[in-house]
Amino acid sequence: MSQLPACPQCASIYTYEDQGQYICPECGHEWNPNTAAAETEVLIVKDAHGTQLNEGDHVTLIKDLKVKGSSSVAKIGTKVKINRLVDGDHNIDCRLEGIGAMMLKSEFVKKA
């Protein structure tokens, strides 16, 4: 059995091949093995002070944030661990104590 490469997006080892494409069942990423080297796109997310953030970093809120769909508020100074960085409007996927899973904008955090 041939060894398939790990997923370039989430580093999962459970990739499989389907019709000439490699597919990751964990994150859903699909890529062509012939153009995989050319597509190594790195997501760069910076906090409110311009410091680059990485997955697993701890950040602190620099502003009270209202939680959409709830009456609770994420208070200034709350320390949060980044679970995942994503591309889009809200680019930090994290979990807040007492609130649960949440997506934050990087402009409202600073690296701790």
N, C-alpha and C. Protein backbone atom coordinates (compact mmCIF):
# COMPACT_ATOMS: atom_id res chain seq x y z
N MET A 1 0.84 -1.18 0.00
CA MET A 1 0.00 0.00 0.00
C MET A 1 0.89 1.24 0.00
N SER A 2 0.59 2.19 -0.86
CA SER A 2 1.42 3.40 -0.94
C SER A 2 1.06 4.38 0.17
N GLN A 3 2.04 5.15 0.58
CA GLN A 3 1.87 6.12 1.65
C GLN A 3 1.38 7.44 1.07
N LEU A 4 0.20 7.90 1.48
CA LEU A 4 -0.34 9.17 1.00
C LEU A 4 0.15 10.30 1.90
N PRO A 5 0.29 11.51 1.37
CA PRO A 5 0.78 12.62 2.17
C PRO A 5 -0.27 13.08 3.18
N ALA A 6 0.21 13.71 4.25
CA ALA A 6 -0.70 14.28 5.25
C ALA A 6 -1.40 15.50 4.66
N CYS A 7 -2.54 15.85 5.22
CA CYS A 7 -3.30 17.01 4.75
C CYS A 7 -2.49 18.28 4.97
N PRO A 8 -2.34 19.12 3.96
CA PRO A 8 -1.57 20.35 4.14
C PRO A 8 -2.27 21.39 4.99
N GLN A 9 -3.57 21.22 5.23
CA GLN A 9 -4.31 22.21 5.99
C GLN A 9 -4.35 21.86 7.49
N CYS A 10 -4.64 20.60 7.82
CA CYS A 10 -4.77 20.23 9.23
C CYS A 10 -3.77 19.17 9.67
N ALA A 11 -2.93 18.69 8.78
CA ALA A 11 -1.88 17.70 9.05
C ALA A 11 -2.42 16.33 9.44
N SER A 12 -3.64 16.03 9.06
CA SER A 12 -4.23 14.72 9.34
C SER A 12 -3.55 13.65 8.48
N ILE A 13 -3.37 12.48 9.05
CA ILE A 13 -2.74 11.38 8.31
C ILE A 13 -3.77 10.49 7.64
N TYR A 14 -5.05 10.78 7.78
CA TYR A 14 -6.12 9.93 7.25
C TYR A 14 -6.61 10.37 5.87
N THR A 15 -5.73 10.86 5.04
CA THR A 15 -6.11 11.29 3.69
C THR A 15 -6.36 10.07 2.81
N TYR A 16 -7.19 10.28 1.79
CA TYR A 16 -7.44 9.22 0.81
C TYR A 16 -7.53 9.83 -0.58
N GLU A 17 -7.41 8.98 -1.58
CA GLU A 17 -7.43 9.44 -2.97
C GLU A 17 -8.76 9.08 -3.61
N ASP A 18 -9.33 10.05 -4.36
CA ASP A 18 -10.58 9.82 -5.05
C ASP A 18 -10.56 10.57 -6.37
N GLN A 19 -10.57 9.84 -7.48
CA GLN A 19 -10.58 10.40 -8.84
C GLN A 19 -9.44 11.40 -9.06
N GLY A 20 -8.26 11.06 -8.63
CA GLY A 20 -7.10 11.90 -8.87
C GLY A 20 -6.94 13.05 -7.88
N GLN A 21 -7.81 13.16 -6.91
CA GLN A 21 -7.73 14.21 -5.88
C GLN A 21 -7.42 13.55 -4.53
N TYR A 22 -6.69 14.24 -3.69
CA TYR A 22 -6.51 13.80 -2.31
C TYR A 22 -7.56 14.51 -1.48
N ILE A 23 -8.16 13.79 -0.52
CA ILE A 23 -9.22 14.34 0.32
C ILE A 23 -8.92 14.04 1.78
N CYS A 24 -9.14 15.03 2.64
CA CYS A 24 -8.97 14.86 4.08
C CYS A 24 -10.36 14.71 4.70
N PRO A 25 -10.65 13.58 5.36
CA PRO A 25 -11.97 13.40 5.96
C PRO A 25 -12.18 14.22 7.23
N GLU A 26 -11.12 14.72 7.84
CA GLU A 26 -11.27 15.46 9.08
C GLU A 26 -11.66 16.93 8.85
N CYS A 27 -11.00 17.60 7.90
CA CYS A 27 -11.31 19.02 7.66
C CYS A 27 -12.01 19.25 6.33
N GLY A 28 -12.09 18.23 5.47
CA GLY A 28 -12.79 18.35 4.20
C GLY A 28 -11.97 18.98 3.10
N HIS A 29 -10.69 19.22 3.34
CA HIS A 29 -9.82 19.85 2.34
C HIS A 29 -9.55 18.88 1.19
N GLU A 30 -9.64 19.39 -0.04
CA GLU A 30 -9.34 18.60 -1.23
C GLU A 30 -8.22 19.29 -1.99
N TRP A 31 -7.29 18.51 -2.52
CA TRP A 31 -6.21 19.10 -3.30
C TRP A 31 -5.72 18.12 -4.35
N ASN A 32 -5.16 18.69 -5.40
CA ASN A 32 -4.61 17.92 -6.49
C ASN A 32 -3.15 17.61 -6.16
N PRO A 33 -2.73 16.35 -6.21
CA PRO A 33 -1.35 16.03 -5.84
C PRO A 33 -0.32 16.65 -6.78
N ASN A 34 -0.69 16.98 -8.01
CA ASN A 34 0.25 17.57 -8.96
C ASN A 34 0.48 19.05 -8.70
N THR A 35 -0.47 19.73 -8.12
CA THR A 35 -0.32 21.17 -7.86
C THR A 35 -0.25 21.48 -6.38
N ALA A 36 -0.06 20.48 -5.54
CA ALA A 36 -0.05 20.69 -4.09
C ALA A 36 1.10 21.59 -3.65
N ALA A 37 2.24 21.50 -4.29
CA ALA A 37 3.38 22.32 -3.89
C ALA A 37 3.15 23.80 -4.20
N ALA A 38 2.40 24.09 -5.24
CA ALA A 38 2.15 25.48 -5.63
C ALA A 38 1.07 26.14 -4.78
N GLU A 39 0.25 25.34 -4.07
CA GLU A 39 -0.87 25.89 -3.33
C GLU A 39 -0.61 26.06 -1.84
N THR A 40 0.60 26.06 -1.40
CA THR A 40 0.88 26.18 0.02
C THR A 40 0.63 27.61 0.48
N GLU A 41 -0.63 27.90 0.74
CA GLU A 41 -1.07 29.22 1.15
C GLU A 41 -1.13 29.26 2.67
N VAL A 42 -0.48 30.22 3.28
CA VAL A 42 -0.44 30.31 4.72
C VAL A 42 -1.33 31.47 5.16
N LEU A 43 -2.22 31.19 6.11
CA LEU A 43 -3.11 32.21 6.65
C LEU A 43 -2.37 32.99 7.73
N ILE A 44 -2.27 34.29 7.56
CA ILE A 44 -1.61 35.15 8.54
C ILE A 44 -2.66 36.01 9.21
N VAL A 45 -2.78 35.85 10.54
CA VAL A 45 -3.74 36.62 11.33
C VAL A 45 -2.95 37.42 12.35
N LYS A 46 -3.26 38.71 12.46
CA LYS A 46 -2.56 39.58 13.41
C LYS A 46 -3.54 40.16 14.41
N ASP A 47 -3.06 40.36 15.64
CA ASP A 47 -3.92 40.92 16.69
C ASP A 47 -4.03 42.43 16.55
N ALA A 48 -4.63 43.08 17.53
CA ALA A 48 -4.86 44.52 17.47
C ALA A 48 -3.57 45.33 17.44
N HIS A 49 -2.47 44.77 17.92
CA HIS A 49 -1.18 45.47 17.96
C HIS A 49 -0.24 45.04 16.84
N GLY A 50 -0.70 44.17 15.94
CA GLY A 50 0.11 43.76 14.80
C GLY A 50 0.97 42.53 15.04
N THR A 51 0.81 41.86 16.16
CA THR A 51 1.55 40.64 16.45
C THR A 51 0.88 39.46 15.76
N GLN A 52 1.67 38.62 15.11
CA GLN A 52 1.12 37.46 14.39
C GLN A 52 0.62 36.42 15.39
N LEU A 53 -0.57 35.88 15.12
CA LEU A 53 -1.17 34.87 15.97
C LEU A 53 -1.07 33.50 15.30
N ASN A 54 -0.94 32.45 16.13
CA ASN A 54 -0.87 31.07 15.65
C ASN A 54 -1.87 30.24 16.43
N GLU A 55 -2.22 29.08 15.89
CA GLU A 55 -3.11 28.18 16.61
C GLU A 55 -2.43 27.73 17.89
N GLY A 56 -3.19 27.70 18.99
CA GLY A 56 -2.66 27.30 20.28
C GLY A 56 -2.19 28.47 21.13
N ASP A 57 -2.08 29.66 20.56
CA ASP A 57 -1.68 30.84 21.32
C ASP A 57 -2.79 31.24 22.29
N HIS A 58 -2.38 31.92 23.36
CA HIS A 58 -3.34 32.49 24.29
C HIS A 58 -3.46 33.98 23.99
N VAL A 59 -4.69 34.46 23.95
CA VAL A 59 -4.95 35.88 23.69
C VAL A 59 -5.86 36.43 24.78
N THR A 60 -5.86 37.76 24.91
CA THR A 60 -6.69 38.45 25.89
C THR A 60 -7.61 39.41 25.16
N LEU A 61 -8.86 39.48 25.59
CA LEU A 61 -9.80 40.43 24.99
C LEU A 61 -9.45 41.84 25.41
N ILE A 62 -9.50 42.78 24.48
CA ILE A 62 -9.18 44.18 24.79
C ILE A 62 -10.43 45.04 24.82
N LYS A 63 -11.60 44.40 24.72
CA LYS A 63 -12.86 45.13 24.70
C LYS A 63 -13.96 44.19 25.18
N ASP A 64 -14.96 44.73 25.91
CA ASP A 64 -16.13 43.94 26.27
C ASP A 64 -16.89 43.62 24.98
N LEU A 65 -17.24 42.36 24.79
CA LEU A 65 -17.94 41.94 23.58
C LEU A 65 -19.27 41.30 23.93
N LYS A 66 -20.34 41.80 23.32
CA LYS A 66 -21.66 41.20 23.51
C LYS A 66 -21.71 39.89 22.74
N VAL A 67 -22.31 38.89 23.36
CA VAL A 67 -22.44 37.59 22.72
C VAL A 67 -23.76 37.58 21.97
N LYS A 68 -23.69 37.38 20.67
CA LYS A 68 -24.88 37.41 19.82
C LYS A 68 -25.85 36.29 20.21
N GLY A 69 -27.12 36.63 20.37
CA GLY A 69 -28.12 35.64 20.71
C GLY A 69 -28.18 35.31 22.19
N SER A 70 -27.49 36.09 23.00
CA SER A 70 -27.45 35.85 24.43
C SER A 70 -27.38 37.18 25.16
N SER A 71 -27.68 37.17 26.45
CA SER A 71 -27.58 38.40 27.23
C SER A 71 -26.23 38.52 27.93
N SER A 72 -25.36 37.53 27.75
CA SER A 72 -24.06 37.55 28.41
C SER A 72 -23.05 38.41 27.63
N VAL A 73 -21.99 38.78 28.34
CA VAL A 73 -20.94 39.63 27.77
C VAL A 73 -19.59 38.99 28.06
N ALA A 74 -18.72 38.94 27.05
CA ALA A 74 -17.33 38.49 27.24
C ALA A 74 -16.55 39.72 27.72
N LYS A 75 -16.05 39.67 28.93
CA LYS A 75 -15.43 40.83 29.57
C LYS A 75 -14.01 41.09 29.09
N ILE A 76 -13.62 42.34 29.17
CA ILE A 76 -12.26 42.76 28.84
C ILE A 76 -11.29 42.02 29.78
N GLY A 77 -10.17 41.58 29.25
CA GLY A 77 -9.16 40.88 30.05
C GLY A 77 -9.35 39.38 30.10
N THR A 78 -10.42 38.86 29.51
CA THR A 78 -10.64 37.42 29.50
C THR A 78 -9.58 36.75 28.64
N LYS A 79 -8.94 35.72 29.19
CA LYS A 79 -7.89 35.01 28.48
C LYS A 79 -8.49 33.82 27.75
N VAL A 80 -8.13 33.68 26.46
CA VAL A 80 -8.72 32.67 25.59
C VAL A 80 -7.60 31.95 24.85
N LYS A 81 -7.77 30.65 24.64
CA LYS A 81 -6.82 29.88 23.83
C LYS A 81 -7.40 29.73 22.43
N ILE A 82 -6.59 30.01 21.40
CA ILE A 82 -7.03 29.90 20.01
C ILE A 82 -7.04 28.43 19.62
N ASN A 83 -8.22 27.94 19.22
CA ASN A 83 -8.32 26.55 18.75
C ASN A 83 -7.94 26.44 17.29
N ARG A 84 -8.39 27.43 16.50
CA ARG A 84 -8.16 27.36 15.06
C ARG A 84 -8.25 28.75 14.48
N LEU A 85 -7.43 29.02 13.47
CA LEU A 85 -7.50 30.26 12.71
C LEU A 85 -8.20 29.96 11.40
N VAL A 86 -9.17 30.79 11.05
CA VAL A 86 -9.94 30.57 9.83
C VAL A 86 -9.95 31.85 9.01
N ASP A 87 -10.23 31.69 7.74
CA ASP A 87 -10.31 32.84 6.84
C ASP A 87 -11.76 33.30 6.79
N GLY A 88 -11.97 34.59 6.92
CA GLY A 88 -13.33 35.11 6.87
C GLY A 88 -13.48 36.34 7.74
N ASP A 89 -14.72 36.69 8.01
CA ASP A 89 -15.03 37.87 8.80
C ASP A 89 -14.50 37.74 10.23
N HIS A 90 -14.85 36.66 10.90
CA HIS A 90 -14.34 36.36 12.24
C HIS A 90 -13.27 35.29 12.05
N ASN A 91 -12.02 35.59 12.38
CA ASN A 91 -10.94 34.68 12.02
C ASN A 91 -10.30 33.92 13.16
N ILE A 92 -10.87 33.97 14.37
CA ILE A 92 -10.35 33.19 15.49
C ILE A 92 -11.47 32.31 16.02
N ASP A 93 -11.25 31.00 16.02
CA ASP A 93 -12.21 30.04 16.54
C ASP A 93 -11.70 29.63 17.92
N CYS A 94 -12.50 29.87 18.97
CA CYS A 94 -12.03 29.60 20.33
C CYS A 94 -13.19 29.15 21.20
N ARG A 95 -12.91 28.94 22.48
CA ARG A 95 -13.92 28.55 23.46
C ARG A 95 -13.74 29.42 24.69
N LEU A 96 -14.83 30.09 25.10
CA LEU A 96 -14.80 30.96 26.28
C LEU A 96 -15.45 30.25 27.46
N GLU A 97 -14.85 30.38 28.64
CA GLU A 97 -15.40 29.79 29.85
C GLU A 97 -16.78 30.40 30.14
N GLY A 98 -17.77 29.56 30.40
CA GLY A 98 -19.10 30.03 30.74
C GLY A 98 -19.95 30.42 29.55
N ILE A 99 -19.35 30.56 28.38
CA ILE A 99 -20.10 30.97 27.18
C ILE A 99 -20.11 29.84 26.17
N GLY A 100 -18.98 29.22 25.92
CA GLY A 100 -18.89 28.12 24.97
C GLY A 100 -18.09 28.49 23.74
N ALA A 101 -18.32 27.75 22.66
CA ALA A 101 -17.59 27.98 21.41
C ALA A 101 -17.98 29.33 20.83
N MET A 102 -16.98 30.04 20.31
CA MET A 102 -17.21 31.39 19.81
C MET A 102 -16.18 31.72 18.75
N MET A 103 -16.56 32.59 17.84
CA MET A 103 -15.61 33.10 16.84
C MET A 103 -15.38 34.58 17.13
N LEU A 104 -14.12 34.99 17.12
CA LEU A 104 -13.75 36.37 17.43
C LEU A 104 -13.04 37.01 16.25
N LYS A 105 -13.13 38.32 16.19
CA LYS A 105 -12.34 39.07 15.22
C LYS A 105 -10.99 39.35 15.88
N SER A 106 -9.93 39.27 15.10
CA SER A 106 -8.59 39.45 15.65
C SER A 106 -8.34 40.88 16.11
N GLU A 107 -9.13 41.83 15.66
CA GLU A 107 -8.93 43.22 16.05
C GLU A 107 -9.35 43.50 17.48
N PHE A 108 -10.01 42.54 18.15
CA PHE A 108 -10.46 42.71 19.53
C PHE A 108 -9.64 41.91 20.53
N VAL A 109 -8.50 41.38 20.12
CA VAL A 109 -7.65 40.59 21.01
C VAL A 109 -6.20 41.06 20.93
N LYS A 110 -5.45 40.74 21.96
CA LYS A 110 -3.99 40.93 21.93
C LYS A 110 -3.35 39.67 22.45
N LYS A 111 -2.16 39.37 21.96
CA LYS A 111 -1.45 38.15 22.38
C LYS A 111 -1.06 38.27 23.83
N ALA A 112 -1.30 37.21 24.58
CA ALA A 112 -1.00 37.23 26.03
C ALA A 112 0.41 36.76 26.30
